[in-house]
C-alpha atoms as a PDB file:
ATOM      1  CA  MET A   1      32.305 -36.783 -25.488  1.00  0.00           C
ATOM      2  CA  ALA A   2      30.837 -33.664 -27.150  1.00  0.00           C
ATOM      3  CA  ARG A   3      33.295 -31.420 -28.917  1.00  0.00           C
ATOM      4  CA  GLY A   4      31.003 -28.761 -30.502  1.00  0.00           C
ATOM      5  CA  GLN A   5      30.443 -25.230 -29.232  1.00  0.00           C
ATOM      6  CA  TYR A   6      26.921 -26.121 -28.162  1.00  0.00           C
ATOM      7  CA  VAL A   7      25.301 -29.451 -26.944  1.00  0.00           C
ATOM      8  CA  ALA A   8      21.706 -30.539 -27.316  1.00  0.00           C
ATOM      9  CA  PHE A   9      19.732 -33.578 -26.334  1.00  0.00           C
ATOM     10  CA  CYS A  10      16.928 -35.626 -27.777  1.00  0.00           C
ATOM     11  CA  ASP A  11      15.151 -38.574 -26.145  1.00  0.00           C
ATOM     12  CA  SER A  12      14.937 -41.612 -28.407  1.00  0.00           C
ATOM     13  CA  ASP A  13      11.150 -41.526 -28.707  1.00  0.00           C
ATOM     14  CA  ASP A  14      10.789 -37.800 -29.638  1.00  0.00           C
ATOM     15  CA  LEU A  15      11.511 -35.722 -32.736  1.00  0.00           C
ATOM     16  CA  ILE A  16      13.468 -32.490 -33.380  1.00  0.00           C
ATOM     17  CA  ASP A  17      13.696 -30.150 -36.297  1.00  0.00           C
ATOM     18  CA  VAL A  18      17.464 -29.885 -36.784  1.00  0.00           C
ATOM     19  CA  SER A  19      17.191 -26.559 -38.754  1.00  0.00           C
ATOM     20  CA  VAL A  20      15.606 -24.841 -35.645  1.00  0.00           C
ATOM     21  CA  TYR A  21      18.489 -25.999 -33.439  1.00  0.00           C
ATOM     22  CA  GLY A  22      20.918 -24.693 -36.048  1.00  0.00           C
ATOM     23  CA  GLU A  23      19.108 -21.374 -35.987  1.00  0.00           C
ATOM     24  CA  MET A  24      19.319 -21.273 -32.218  1.00  0.00           C
ATOM     25  CA  ALA A  25      23.115 -21.942 -32.441  1.00  0.00           C
ATOM     26  CA  ARG A  26      23.565 -19.164 -34.941  1.00  0.00           C
ATOM     27  CA  ILE A  27      21.759 -16.506 -32.921  1.00  0.00           C
ATOM     28  CA  ALA A  28      23.394 -17.763 -29.712  1.00  0.00           C
ATOM     29  CA  ARG A  29      26.795 -17.170 -31.106  1.00  0.00           C
ATOM     30  CA  GLN A  30      25.851 -13.715 -32.283  1.00  0.00           C
ATOM     31  CA  ARG A  31      24.254 -12.721 -28.960  1.00  0.00           C
ATOM     32  CA  SER A  32      26.614 -14.583 -26.613  1.00  0.00           C
ATOM     33  CA  CYS A  33      23.909 -16.785 -25.120  1.00  0.00           C
ATOM     34  CA  GLU A  34      24.868 -19.626 -22.850  1.00  0.00           C
ATOM     35  CA  ILE A  35      21.423 -21.207 -23.307  1.00  0.00           C
ATOM     36  CA  PHE A  36      18.830 -20.998 -26.131  1.00  0.00           C
ATOM     37  CA  LEU A  37      15.346 -22.570 -26.003  1.00  0.00           C
ATOM     38  CA  CYS A  38      12.770 -23.220 -28.668  1.00  0.00           C
ATOM     39  CA  ARG A  39       9.055 -23.900 -28.540  1.00  0.00           C
ATOM     40  CA  ALA A  40       7.626 -27.437 -28.495  1.00  0.00           C
ATOM     41  CA  VAL A  41       4.567 -29.429 -29.414  1.00  0.00           C
ATOM     42  CA  ALA A  42       3.183 -32.556 -27.698  1.00  0.00           C
ATOM     43  CA  PHE A  43       1.652 -35.118 -30.008  1.00  0.00           C
ATOM     44  CA  ASP A  44      -0.243 -38.316 -29.196  1.00  0.00           C
ATOM     45  CA  ASN A  45       1.387 -41.436 -30.572  1.00  0.00           C
ATOM     46  CA  VAL A  46      -1.989 -43.199 -31.029  1.00  0.00           C
ATOM     47  CA  SER A  47      -4.572 -40.537 -31.836  1.00  0.00           C
ATOM     48  CA  GLY A  48      -2.280 -38.191 -33.787  1.00  0.00           C
ATOM     49  CA  TRP A  49      -3.690 -35.104 -32.039  1.00  0.00           C
ATOM     50  CA  SER A  50      -1.173 -32.449 -31.005  1.00  0.00           C
ATOM     51  CA  HIS A  51      -1.102 -29.282 -28.810  1.00  0.00           C
ATOM     52  CA  ASP A  52       1.296 -26.675 -27.595  1.00  0.00           C
ATOM     53  CA  PHE A  53       3.774 -27.819 -25.017  1.00  0.00           C
ATOM     54  CA  TYR A  54       2.604 -27.367 -21.421  1.00  0.00           C
ATOM     55  CA  ASP A  55       4.514 -24.060 -20.990  1.00  0.00           C
ATOM     56  CA  GLY A  56       3.173 -22.420 -24.113  1.00  0.00           C
ATOM     57  CA  SER A  57       1.507 -19.559 -22.205  1.00  0.00           C
ATOM     58  CA  VAL A  58       4.789 -18.770 -20.338  1.00  0.00           C
ATOM     59  CA  PHE A  59       6.718 -18.765 -23.602  1.00  0.00           C
ATOM     60  CA  GLU A  60       4.176 -16.294 -25.104  1.00  0.00           C
ATOM     61  CA  GLU A  61       4.347 -14.134 -21.994  1.00  0.00           C
ATOM     62  CA  ILE A  62       8.153 -13.722 -22.454  1.00  0.00           C
ATOM     63  CA  VAL A  63       8.495 -13.719 -26.228  1.00  0.00           C
ATOM     64  CA  GLY A  64       5.272 -12.143 -27.356  1.00  0.00           C
ATOM     65  CA  LYS A  65       5.283 -11.563 -31.141  1.00  0.00           C
ATOM     66  CA  ASN A  66       8.999 -11.285 -31.394  1.00  0.00           C
ATOM     67  CA  ASP A  67      11.032 -13.713 -33.474  1.00  0.00           C
ATOM     68  CA  TYR A  68      13.273 -14.271 -30.449  1.00  0.00           C
ATOM     69  CA  VAL A  69      14.271 -12.565 -27.163  1.00  0.00           C
ATOM     70  CA  VAL A  70      17.422 -12.613 -25.154  1.00  0.00           C
ATOM     71  CA  THR A  71      16.862 -12.310 -21.455  1.00  0.00           C
ATOM     72  CA  SER A  72      17.761 -13.713 -18.090  1.00  0.00           C
ATOM     73  CA  TRP A  73      16.019 -14.809 -14.906  1.00  0.00           C
ATOM     74  CA  ALA A  74      16.580 -11.425 -13.330  1.00  0.00           C
ATOM     75  CA  ARG A  75      14.496  -9.762 -16.113  1.00  0.00           C
ATOM     76  CA  HIS A  76      11.985 -12.530 -16.503  1.00  0.00           C
ATOM     77  CA  PRO A  77      11.832 -14.750 -13.447  1.00  0.00           C
ATOM     78  CA  SER A  78       9.004 -16.612 -15.035  1.00  0.00           C
ATOM     79  CA  ILE A  79      11.641 -18.293 -17.274  1.00  0.00           C
ATOM     80  CA  PHE A  80      12.127 -20.803 -14.400  1.00  0.00           C
ATOM     81  CA  THR A  81       8.513 -22.018 -14.867  1.00  0.00           C
ATOM     82  CA  LEU A  82       9.213 -23.204 -18.436  1.00  0.00           C
ATOM     83  CA  GLU A  83       9.160 -26.993 -18.789  1.00  0.00           C
ATOM     84  CA  PRO A  84      12.397 -28.445 -17.241  1.00  0.00           C
ATOM     85  CA  ASN A  85      13.010 -30.548 -20.350  1.00  0.00           C
ATOM     86  CA  ALA A  86      16.598 -30.670 -21.550  1.00  0.00           C
ATOM     87  CA  ASN A  87      15.530 -31.459 -25.133  1.00  0.00           C
ATOM     88  CA  VAL A  88      14.151 -27.991 -25.897  1.00  0.00           C
ATOM     89  CA  ARG A  89      17.373 -26.242 -25.557  1.00  0.00           C
ATOM     90  CA  ILE A  90      20.977 -25.900 -26.635  1.00  0.00           C
ATOM     91  CA  ILE A  91      23.649 -25.086 -24.060  1.00  0.00           C
ATOM     92  CA  ALA A  92      27.147 -23.749 -24.609  1.00  0.00           C
ATOM     93  CA  ARG A  93      29.465 -26.627 -23.824  1.00  0.00           C
ATOM     94  CA  GLU A  94      32.090 -24.455 -22.087  1.00  0.00           C
ATOM     95  CA  PHE A  95      29.377 -22.958 -19.837  1.00  0.00           C
ATOM     96  CA  PHE A  96      27.948 -26.438 -19.173  1.00  0.00           C
ATOM     97  CA  GLU A  97      31.281 -27.617 -17.946  1.00  0.00           C
ATOM     98  CA  GLN A  98      32.353 -24.474 -16.026  1.00  0.00           C
ATOM     99  CA  ALA A  99      28.997 -24.166 -14.246  1.00  0.00           C
ATOM    100  CA  GLY A 100      29.102 -27.774 -13.085  1.00  0.00           C
ATOM    101  CA  ILE A 101      25.859 -28.738 -14.720  1.00  0.00           C
ATOM    102  CA  ARG A 102      25.319 -32.481 -14.562  1.00  0.00           C
ATOM    103  CA  PHE A 103      22.491 -35.022 -14.721  1.00  0.00           C
ATOM    104  CA  GLU A 104      22.271 -37.541 -11.892  1.00  0.00           C
ATOM    105  CA  PRO A 105      23.148 -40.965 -13.361  1.00  0.00           C
ATOM    106  CA  GLY A 106      20.315 -43.400 -13.215  1.00  0.00           C
ATOM    107  CA  ALA A 107      17.749 -40.897 -11.943  1.00  0.00           C
ATOM    108  CA  HIS A 108      14.440 -40.096 -13.560  1.00  0.00           C
ATOM    109  CA  TYR A 109      12.922 -36.598 -13.883  1.00  0.00           C
ATOM    110  CA  GLU A 110      16.642 -35.540 -13.741  1.00  0.00           C
ATOM    111  CA  ASP A 111      16.165 -32.385 -15.822  1.00  0.00           C
ATOM    112  CA  LEU A 112      14.648 -30.331 -12.953  1.00  0.00           C
ATOM    113  CA  GLY A 113      17.843 -29.551 -11.055  1.00  0.00           C
ATOM    114  CA  PRO A 114      20.037 -28.711 -14.042  1.00  0.00           C
ATOM    115  CA  HIS A 115      17.195 -26.607 -15.557  1.00  0.00           C
ATOM    116  CA  VAL A 116      17.126 -24.355 -12.489  1.00  0.00           C
ATOM    117  CA  ARG A 117      20.833 -24.322 -11.853  1.00  0.00           C
ATOM    118  CA  SER A 118      21.760 -23.466 -15.429  1.00  0.00           C
ATOM    119  CA  LEU A 119      19.185 -20.676 -15.715  1.00  0.00           C
ATOM    120  CA  CYS A 120      20.490 -19.258 -12.375  1.00  0.00           C
ATOM    121  CA  LYS A 121      23.981 -19.046 -13.709  1.00  0.00           C
ATOM    122  CA  ALA A 122      23.365 -17.943 -17.300  1.00  0.00           C
ATOM    123  CA  ARG A 123      23.779 -14.296 -18.092  1.00  0.00           C
ATOM    124  CA  HIS A 124      22.057 -14.453 -21.487  1.00  0.00           C
ATOM    125  CA  VAL A 125      19.228 -16.862 -22.239  1.00  0.00           C
ATOM    126  CA  GLY A 126      17.548 -16.854 -25.685  1.00  0.00           C
ATOM    127  CA  LEU A 127      14.024 -17.981 -26.520  1.00  0.00           C
ATOM    128  CA  LEU A 128      13.296 -18.706 -30.215  1.00  0.00           C
ATOM    129  CA  ASN A 129       9.645 -18.299 -31.269  1.00  0.00           C
ATOM    130  CA  LYS A 130       9.725 -21.412 -33.418  1.00  0.00           C
ATOM    131  CA  THR A 131       8.731 -25.034 -32.782  1.00  0.00           C
ATOM    132  CA  GLY A 132      11.756 -27.318 -32.804  1.00  0.00           C
ATOM    133  CA  PHE A 133      10.918 -30.193 -30.432  1.00  0.00           C
ATOM    134  CA  TYR A 134       7.965 -32.646 -30.811  1.00  0.00           C
ATOM    135  CA  TYR A 135       7.254 -34.491 -27.584  1.00  0.00           C
ATOM    136  CA  ARG A 136       5.592 -37.887 -28.062  1.00  0.00           C
ATOM    137  CA  VAL A 137       2.915 -38.858 -25.480  1.00  0.00           C
ATOM    138  CA  GLY A 138       0.734 -41.924 -25.190  1.00  0.00           C
ATOM    139  CA  ARG A 139       3.572 -44.380 -26.115  1.00  0.00           C
ATOM    140  CA  HIS A 140       3.536 -47.589 -24.203  1.00  0.00           C
ATOM    141  CA  GLY A 141       6.458 -47.821 -21.834  1.00  0.00           C
ATOM    142  CA  ALA A 142       7.100 -44.067 -21.641  1.00  0.00           C
ATOM    143  CA  ILE A 143       8.580 -43.228 -18.201  1.00  0.00           C
ATOM    144  CA  THR A 144       6.463 -40.049 -17.768  1.00  0.00           C
ATOM    145  CA  GLY A 145       3.256 -42.085 -18.125  1.00  0.00           C
ATOM    146  CA  GLU A 146       4.029 -44.737 -15.575  1.00  0.00           C
ATOM    147  CA  GLN A 147       3.092 -45.050 -11.892  1.00  0.00           C
ATOM    148  CA  GLY A 148       5.720 -46.373  -9.515  1.00  0.00           C
ATOM    149  CA  MET A 149       8.445 -45.721  -7.039  1.00  0.00           C
ATOM    150  CA  ARG A 150      10.699 -44.051  -9.618  1.00  0.00           C
ATOM    151  CA  ARG A 151       8.481 -40.977  -9.162  1.00  0.00           C
ATOM    152  CA  PHE A 152      10.412 -40.431  -5.894  1.00  0.00           C
ATOM    153  CA  ASP A 153      13.380 -39.288  -8.000  1.00  0.00           C
ATOM    154  CA  VAL A 154      11.738 -35.907  -8.506  1.00  0.00           C
ATOM    155  CA  LEU A 155      12.522 -35.091  -4.860  1.00  0.00           C
ATOM    156  CA  HIS A 156      16.201 -35.209  -5.624  1.00  0.00           C
ATOM    157  CA  GLY A 157      15.736 -32.727  -8.467  1.00  0.00           C
ATOM    158  CA  ALA A 158      13.616 -30.516  -6.227  1.00  0.00           C
ATOM    159  CA  LYS A 159      16.380 -30.379  -3.567  1.00  0.00           C
ATOM    160  CA  GLU A 160      19.011 -29.591  -6.188  1.00  0.00           C
ATOM    161  CA  ALA A 161      16.826 -26.761  -7.518  1.00  0.00           C
ATOM    162  CA  LEU A 162      16.342 -25.296  -4.082  1.00  0.00           C
ATOM    163  CA  ASP A 163      20.065 -25.603  -3.391  1.00  0.00           C
ATOM    164  CA  ALA A 164      20.783 -23.646  -6.516  1.00  0.00           C
ATOM    165  CA  CYS A 165      18.444 -20.901  -5.344  1.00  0.00           C
ATOM    166  CA  ASP A 166      20.472 -20.678  -2.127  1.00  0.00           C
ATOM    167  CA  GLU A 167      23.828 -20.871  -3.774  1.00  0.00           C
ATOM    168  CA  GLU A 168      23.079 -18.240  -6.322  1.00  0.00           C
ATOM    169  CA  GLY A 169      21.318 -15.910  -3.848  1.00  0.00           C
ATOM    170  CA  LEU A 170      18.007 -15.672  -5.813  1.00  0.00           C
ATOM    171  CA  SER A 171      15.582 -12.969  -4.817  1.00  0.00           C
ATOM    172  CA  ALA A 172      12.193 -13.850  -3.289  1.00  0.00           C
ATOM    173  CA  GLU A 173      10.738 -13.285  -6.713  1.00  0.00           C
ATOM    174  CA  GLY A 174      13.126 -15.743  -8.381  1.00  0.00           C
ATOM    175  CA  ARG A 175      12.568 -18.288  -5.647  1.00  0.00           C
ATOM    176  CA  ALA A 176       8.839 -17.976  -6.027  1.00  0.00           C
ATOM    177  CA  ALA A 177       9.062 -18.784  -9.777  1.00  0.00           C
ATOM    178  CA  VAL A 178      11.267 -21.834  -8.942  1.00  0.00           C
ATOM    179  CA  LEU A 179       8.819 -22.876  -6.243  1.00  0.00           C
ATOM    180  CA  ALA A 180       5.856 -22.722  -8.650  1.00  0.00           C
ATOM    181  CA  LEU A 181       7.689 -25.097 -10.996  1.00  0.00           C
ATOM    182  CA  ILE A 182       8.776 -27.499  -8.205  1.00  0.00           C
ATOM    183  CA  LEU A 183       5.298 -27.779  -6.646  1.00  0.00           C
ATOM    184  CA  ARG A 184       3.802 -28.644 -10.000  1.00  0.00           C
ATOM    185  CA  MET A 185       6.363 -31.418 -10.638  1.00  0.00           C
ATOM    186  CA  VAL A 186       6.189 -32.756  -7.048  1.00  0.00           C
ATOM    187  CA  PHE A 187       2.391 -32.906  -7.089  1.00  0.00           C
ATOM    188  CA  TRP A 188       2.347 -34.584 -10.484  1.00  0.00           C
ATOM    189  CA  CYS A 189       4.831 -37.241  -9.351  1.00  0.00           C
ATOM    190  CA  GLY A 190       3.158 -37.645  -5.931  1.00  0.00           C
ATOM    191  CA  LYS A 191      -0.143 -38.394  -7.597  1.00  0.00           C
ATOM    192  CA  ASN A 192       1.537 -41.222  -9.503  1.00  0.00           C
ATOM    193  CA  VAL A 193       3.347 -43.131  -6.748  1.00  0.00           C
ATOM    194  CA  PRO A 194       1.704 -46.346  -5.485  1.00  0.00           C
ATOM    195  CA  TYR A 195      -1.261 -45.542  -3.188  1.00  0.00           C
ATOM    196  CA  ALA A 196       0.487 -47.324  -0.232  1.00  0.00           C
ATOM    197  CA  ALA A 197       3.614 -45.061  -0.766  1.00  0.00           C
ATOM    198  CA  ILE A 198       1.857 -41.683  -0.670  1.00  0.00           C
ATOM    199  CA  GLY A 199       2.601 -41.211   3.021  1.00  0.00           C
ATOM    200  CA  GLN A 200       6.296 -41.978   2.445  1.00  0.00           C
ATOM    201  CA  PHE A 201       6.345 -39.551  -0.476  1.00  0.00           C
ATOM    202  CA  VAL A 202       4.809 -36.793   1.676  1.00  0.00           C
ATOM    203  CA  GLU A 203       7.288 -37.344   4.494  1.00  0.00           C
ATOM    204  CA  GLN A 204      10.239 -37.104   2.085  1.00  0.00           C
ATOM    205  CA  SER A 205       8.846 -34.070   0.303  1.00  0.00           C
ATOM    206  CA  MET A 206       8.285 -32.324   3.631  1.00  0.00           C
ATOM    207  CA  ALA A 207      11.968 -32.848   4.436  1.00  0.00           C
ATOM    208  CA  VAL A 208      12.961 -31.339   1.136  1.00  0.00           C
ATOM    209  CA  PHE A 209      10.860 -28.215   1.734  1.00  0.00           C
ATOM    210  CA  HIS A 210      11.435 -27.836   5.488  1.00  0.00           C
ATOM    211  CA  GLY A 211      12.560 -24.365   6.354  1.00  0.00           C
ATOM    212  CA  ARG A 212      12.962 -23.355   2.715  1.00  0.00           C
ATOM    213  CA  ILE A 213       9.673 -21.648   2.011  1.00  0.00           C
ATOM    214  CA  SER A 214       9.277 -18.119   3.468  1.00  0.00           C
ATOM    215  CA  ARG A 215       6.092 -15.995   3.552  1.00  0.00           C
ATOM    216  CA  ASP A 216       7.757 -13.519   1.265  1.00  0.00           C
ATOM    217  CA  VAL A 217       8.333 -16.157  -1.333  1.00  0.00           C
ATOM    218  CA  VAL A 218       4.747 -17.483  -1.054  1.00  0.00           C
ATOM    219  CA  ALA A 219       3.408 -13.961  -1.323  1.00  0.00           C
ATOM    220  CA  GLN A 220       5.464 -13.424  -4.523  1.00  0.00           C
ATOM    221  CA  GLY A 221       4.128 -16.738  -5.869  1.00  0.00           C
ATOM    222  CA  MET A 222       0.603 -15.622  -5.080  1.00  0.00           C
ATOM    223  CA  ARG A 223       1.081 -12.365  -6.955  1.00  0.00           C
ATOM    224  CA  ARG A 224       2.782 -13.685 -10.085  1.00  0.00           C
ATOM    225  CA  PHE A 225       3.670 -17.262 -10.498  1.00  0.00           C
ATOM    226  CA  PHE A 226       1.091 -19.663  -9.101  1.00  0.00           C
ATOM    227  CA  ARG A 227      -1.285 -20.455 -11.913  1.00  0.00           C
ATOM    228  CA  THR A 228      -3.675 -22.765 -10.028  1.00  0.00           C
ATOM    229  CA  ARG A 229      -5.226 -22.887  -6.586  1.00  0.00           C
ATOM    230  CA  ARG A 230      -3.482 -26.182  -6.089  1.00  0.00           C
ATOM    231  CA  GLN A 231      -0.062 -24.464  -6.259  1.00  0.00           C
ATOM    232  CA  ALA A 232      -1.125 -21.829  -3.724  1.00  0.00           C
ATOM    233  CA  PHE A 233      -2.561 -24.536  -1.444  1.00  0.00           C
ATOM    234  CA  LEU A 234       0.591 -26.737  -1.603  1.00  0.00           C
ATOM    235  CA  ALA A 235       2.945 -23.745  -1.026  1.00  0.00           C
ATOM    236  CA  LEU A 236       1.057 -22.822   2.168  1.00  0.00           C
ATOM    237  CA  ALA A 237       0.728 -26.370   3.396  1.00  0.00           C
ATOM    238  CA  TYR A 238       4.485 -27.086   2.837  1.00  0.00           C
ATOM    239  CA  MET A 239       5.369 -23.781   4.545  1.00  0.00           C
ATOM    240  CA  ASP A 240       3.097 -24.557   7.421  1.00  0.00           C
ATOM    241  CA  GLY A 241       4.258 -28.173   7.808  1.00  0.00           C
ATOM    242  CA  MET A 242       0.646 -29.548   7.334  1.00  0.00           C
ATOM    243  CA  LYS A 243       1.645 -32.936   5.962  1.00  0.00           C
ATOM    244  CA  GLU A 244      -1.792 -34.491   6.626  1.00  0.00           C
ATOM    245  CA  LEU A 245      -3.408 -31.858   4.233  1.00  0.00           C
ATOM    246  CA  ILE A 246      -0.847 -32.695   1.512  1.00  0.00           C
ATOM    247  CA  GLN A 247      -1.404 -36.444   1.898  1.00  0.00           C
ATOM    248  CA  LEU A 248      -5.196 -36.044   1.826  1.00  0.00           C
ATOM    249  CA  ARG A 249      -4.821 -33.784  -1.250  1.00  0.00           C
ATOM    250  CA  LEU A 250      -2.767 -36.419  -2.992  1.00  0.00           C
ATOM    251  CA  GLU A 251      -5.331 -39.093  -1.973  1.00  0.00           C
ATOM    252  CA  GLU A 252      -8.220 -36.854  -3.090  1.00  0.00           C
ATOM    253  CA  GLY A 253      -9.850 -37.402   0.262  1.00  0.00           C
ATOM    254  CA  ARG A 254     -12.051 -35.078   2.275  1.00  0.00           C
ATOM    255  CA  LEU A 255     -10.010 -32.594   4.288  1.00  0.00           C
ATOM    256  CA  LEU A 256     -10.178 -32.906   8.025  1.00  0.00           C
ATOM    257  CA  LYS A 257     -12.297 -29.972   9.347  1.00  0.00           C
ATOM    258  CA  TRP A 258     -10.012 -29.076  12.295  1.00  0.00           C
ATOM    259  CA  SER A 259      -6.924 -29.074  10.031  1.00  0.00           C
ATOM    260  CA  VAL A 260      -8.552 -26.684   7.545  1.00  0.00           C
ATOM    261  CA  ILE A 261      -9.680 -24.331  10.287  1.00  0.00           C
ATOM    262  CA  SER A 262      -6.283 -24.283  11.961  1.00  0.00           C
ATOM    263  CA  PHE A 263      -4.430 -23.934   8.630  1.00  0.00           C
ATOM    264  CA  ALA A 264      -6.752 -21.090   7.386  1.00  0.00           C
ATOM    265  CA  ALA A 265      -6.494 -19.150  10.630  1.00  0.00           C
ATOM    266  CA  ARG A 266      -2.618 -18.979  10.390  1.00  0.00           C
ATOM    267  CA  ASN A 267      -2.603 -18.092   6.754  1.00  0.00           C
ATOM    268  CA  ARG A 268      -5.700 -15.933   6.245  1.00  0.00           C
ATOM    269  CA  LYS A 269      -3.972 -13.003   4.578  1.00  0.00           C
ATOM    270  CA  LEU A 270      -2.004 -15.091   2.094  1.00  0.00           C
ATOM    271  CA  ILE A 271      -5.032 -17.203   1.253  1.00  0.00           C
ATOM    272  CA  ARG A 272      -7.139 -14.150   0.589  1.00  0.00           C
ATOM    273  CA  MET A 273      -4.435 -12.745  -1.616  1.00  0.00           C
ATOM    274  CA  GLY A 274      -3.958 -15.859  -3.631  1.00  0.00           C
ATOM    275  CA  PHE A 275      -7.569 -16.858  -4.064  1.00  0.00           C
ATOM    276  CA  LYS A 276      -8.594 -13.357  -5.069  1.00  0.00           C
ATOM    277  CA  ARG A 277      -6.126 -13.550  -7.981  1.00  0.00           C
ATOM    278  CA  LEU A 278      -6.738 -17.181  -8.853  1.00  0.00           C
ATOM    279  CA  GLY A 279     -10.500 -17.208  -8.326  1.00  0.00           C
ATOM    280  CA  ALA A 280     -12.354 -18.137  -5.140  1.00  0.00           C
END
């Protein structure tokens, strides 16, 4: 139904600074940007405390002290690791339609696929060094705070993101950045499915990743994009098909000794690389 040059989104329980979105639109027109993103703040609905959005360090890495930058995934692959939240951006409506960007009706965590696909296709992506989106947390009934089977929807978004990597022919570096984002989202959702459904979640996530994680991609992730040992561990486990390790990690159980020995023997070099960078 939108008829404007750019479209934007806002969930009903969050807040936006309209002037910041107007500024993004003005610069986007001047610099021919298909997408423009702003910074965000998370604030607690009960306590009133606030903090930078979860991707603040990535934003600072790309923008630095500049008022804004115009870039692309080819120049800054880490742009994929920004929060896949549709609300922090404006998108050129013509680009949105021509690129075939869509949100799966009725799905939750539906921003993941469109986030990756649109950044893959955009030639010019702007990042404004101003806060325009205020993300409310701690509200009763918020979808992101619940535990349940709807968490499985993230796997559809993960598959769409990996499909976009294939369709757009991303380099190993670009795929590694996308993988870092997906692993974080999948682990977060996997930790919040009902305990009895963890095995089912692991099986379905293994199917999504099967044959789609190469050693080159994992090596790039180790060098640049994995920010925690957990991401490095999950990348290796999914690559190696070690579903029992993933399930035990989600259950926070003790790892089976034979599994760890077998797993480590096959991936010694990558483990050494990643843990040296991330801390033993």
